Amino acid sequence: MTTRTRRETIIFQQPFRLRGIERELPAGSYDIVTDEELIEGLSFPVFRRLATLITLPCAPPHQTAIEMVAIDPEAVRNAQDAEAGASLP
């Protein structure tokens, strides 16, 4: 099975929340990692998402450490949409 990993960095200008994470997250840059596998046997390449993870600062008192948490990509889109809506005049 062929797999690939996609990485992207997203930036939040304001503190935000993600569904499934109990605490408010500070504004800043966050790395998103998505693992996908190739669906074999088709005449063109198609990948299926296996997991999406976000790198977060740990909750107090361990803020100097980081953790990777599995998330729903839709939760990230919703948080980005909420921030964009809040910044409109």
C-alpha atoms as a PDB file:
ATOM      1  CA  MET A   1       0.000   0.000   0.000  1.00  0.00           C
ATOM      2  CA  THR A   2       1.412   3.399  -0.971  1.00  0.00           C
ATOM      3  CA  THR A   3       1.035   6.181   1.572  1.00  0.00           C
ATOM      4  CA  ARG A   4       1.895   9.851   1.579  1.00  0.00           C
ATOM      5  CA  THR A   5       2.032  12.562   4.196  1.00  0.00           C
ATOM      6  CA  ARG A   6       0.950  16.120   3.483  1.00  0.00           C
ATOM      7  CA  ARG A   7       2.014  18.970   5.770  1.00  0.00           C
ATOM      8  CA  GLU A   8       0.702  22.507   5.969  1.00  0.00           C
ATOM      9  CA  THR A   9       0.963  25.382   8.399  1.00  0.00           C
ATOM     10  CA  ILE A  10      -2.102  27.385   9.332  1.00  0.00           C
ATOM     11  CA  ILE A  11      -2.086  30.672  11.225  1.00  0.00           C
ATOM     12  CA  PHE A  12      -4.698  31.908  13.662  1.00  0.00           C
ATOM     13  CA  GLN A  13      -4.614  35.610  14.524  1.00  0.00           C
ATOM     14  CA  GLN A  14      -6.843  35.143  17.588  1.00  0.00           C
ATOM     15  CA  PRO A  15      -7.276  32.460  20.263  1.00  0.00           C
ATOM     16  CA  PHE A  16      -9.587  29.714  18.998  1.00  0.00           C
ATOM     17  CA  ARG A  17     -11.251  26.421  19.842  1.00  0.00           C
ATOM     18  CA  LEU A  18     -11.356  23.129  17.967  1.00  0.00           C
ATOM     19  CA  ARG A  19     -14.083  20.556  18.393  1.00  0.00           C
ATOM     20  CA  GLY A  20     -12.660  17.666  20.391  1.00  0.00           C
ATOM     21  CA  ILE A  21     -10.067  19.745  22.254  1.00  0.00           C
ATOM     22  CA  GLU A  22     -11.157  20.854  25.715  1.00  0.00           C
ATOM     23  CA  ARG A  23      -9.142  24.056  26.005  1.00  0.00           C
ATOM     24  CA  GLU A  24      -8.866  27.342  24.135  1.00  0.00           C
ATOM     25  CA  LEU A  25      -5.759  27.440  21.958  1.00  0.00           C
ATOM     26  CA  PRO A  26      -3.589  30.545  21.654  1.00  0.00           C
ATOM     27  CA  ALA A  27      -3.172  32.521  18.444  1.00  0.00           C
ATOM     28  CA  GLY A  28      -0.202  31.420  16.354  1.00  0.00           C
ATOM     29  CA  SER A  29       1.054  28.986  13.723  1.00  0.00           C
ATOM     30  CA  TYR A  30      -0.029  25.354  13.809  1.00  0.00           C
ATOM     31  CA  ASP A  31       1.289  22.438  11.768  1.00  0.00           C
ATOM     32  CA  ILE A  32      -1.303  20.097  10.257  1.00  0.00           C
ATOM     33  CA  VAL A  33      -0.182  16.631   9.109  1.00  0.00           C
ATOM     34  CA  THR A  34      -2.442  14.443   6.961  1.00  0.00           C
ATOM     35  CA  ASP A  35      -1.605  10.804   6.175  1.00  0.00           C
ATOM     36  CA  GLU A  36      -3.236   9.309   3.084  1.00  0.00           C
ATOM     37  CA  GLU A  37      -3.123   5.959   1.290  1.00  0.00           C
ATOM     38  CA  LEU A  38      -3.364   5.292  -2.425  1.00  0.00           C
ATOM     39  CA  ILE A  39      -6.467   3.397  -3.526  1.00  0.00           C
ATOM     40  CA  GLU A  40      -5.086   0.774  -5.907  1.00  0.00           C
ATOM     41  CA  GLY A  41      -6.668  -0.493  -9.100  1.00  0.00           C
ATOM     42  CA  LEU A  42      -8.051   2.745 -10.512  1.00  0.00           C
ATOM     43  CA  SER A  43      -6.962   4.294 -13.809  1.00  0.00           C
ATOM     44  CA  PHE A  44      -5.964   7.511 -12.002  1.00  0.00           C
ATOM     45  CA  PRO A  45      -4.409   8.141  -8.578  1.00  0.00           C
ATOM     46  CA  VAL A  46      -6.868   8.601  -5.704  1.00  0.00           C
ATOM     47  CA  PHE A  47      -5.842   8.950  -2.075  1.00  0.00           C
ATOM     48  CA  ARG A  48      -7.962   8.242   1.008  1.00  0.00           C
ATOM     49  CA  ARG A  49      -7.323  10.180   4.223  1.00  0.00           C
ATOM     50  CA  LEU A  50      -6.171   7.966   7.065  1.00  0.00           C
ATOM     51  CA  ALA A  51      -5.532  10.552   9.780  1.00  0.00           C
ATOM     52  CA  THR A  52      -5.212  14.289  10.322  1.00  0.00           C
ATOM     53  CA  LEU A  53      -3.112  15.547  13.214  1.00  0.00           C
ATOM     54  CA  ILE A  54      -2.378  19.005  14.617  1.00  0.00           C
ATOM     55  CA  THR A  55       0.692  19.979  16.635  1.00  0.00           C
ATOM     56  CA  LEU A  56      -0.324  21.860  19.788  1.00  0.00           C
ATOM     57  CA  PRO A  57       1.439  23.359  22.772  1.00  0.00           C
ATOM     58  CA  CYS A  58       0.699  21.192  25.809  1.00  0.00           C
ATOM     59  CA  ALA A  59      -1.707  22.439  28.448  1.00  0.00           C
ATOM     60  CA  PRO A  60      -0.296  24.167  31.547  1.00  0.00           C
ATOM     61  CA  PRO A  61       1.978  23.543  33.334  1.00  0.00           C
ATOM     62  CA  HIS A  62       3.795  21.871  30.394  1.00  0.00           C
ATOM     63  CA  GLN A  63       3.540  24.665  27.778  1.00  0.00           C
ATOM     64  CA  THR A  64       7.144  24.161  26.620  1.00  0.00           C
ATOM     65  CA  ALA A  65       6.269  20.684  25.292  1.00  0.00           C
ATOM     66  CA  ILE A  66       4.168  19.915  22.214  1.00  0.00           C
ATOM     67  CA  GLU A  67       1.664  17.192  21.443  1.00  0.00           C
ATOM     68  CA  MET A  68       0.132  15.842  18.248  1.00  0.00           C
ATOM     69  CA  VAL A  69      -3.624  15.410  18.467  1.00  0.00           C
ATOM     70  CA  ALA A  70      -5.878  13.640  15.963  1.00  0.00           C
ATOM     71  CA  ILE A  71      -8.540  16.026  14.648  1.00  0.00           C
ATOM     72  CA  ASP A  72     -11.339  16.211  12.139  1.00  0.00           C
ATOM     73  CA  PRO A  73     -10.230  18.432   9.204  1.00  0.00           C
ATOM     74  CA  GLU A  74     -13.730  19.932   9.230  1.00  0.00           C
ATOM     75  CA  ALA A  75     -13.077  21.271  12.754  1.00  0.00           C
ATOM     76  CA  VAL A  76     -10.055  23.213  11.450  1.00  0.00           C
ATOM     77  CA  ARG A  77     -12.082  24.642   8.546  1.00  0.00           C
ATOM     78  CA  ASN A  78     -14.835  25.675  10.960  1.00  0.00           C
ATOM     79  CA  ALA A  79     -12.314  27.441  13.226  1.00  0.00           C
ATOM     80  CA  GLN A  80     -10.777  29.236  10.230  1.00  0.00           C
ATOM     81  CA  ASP A  81     -14.238  30.263   8.991  1.00  0.00           C
ATOM     82  CA  ALA A  82     -15.182  31.534  12.453  1.00  0.00           C
ATOM     83  CA  GLU A  83     -12.022  33.640  12.606  1.00  0.00           C
ATOM     84  CA  ALA A  84     -12.609  35.031   9.106  1.00  0.00           C
ATOM     85  CA  GLY A  85     -16.180  35.904  10.030  1.00  0.00           C
ATOM     86  CA  ALA A  86     -15.062  37.622  13.251  1.00  0.00           C
ATOM     87  CA  SER A  87     -12.610  39.821  11.342  1.00  0.00           C
ATOM     88  CA  LEU A  88     -15.224  41.161   8.918  1.00  0.00           C
ATOM     89  CA  PRO A  89     -16.392  44.737   9.682  1.00  0.00           C
END
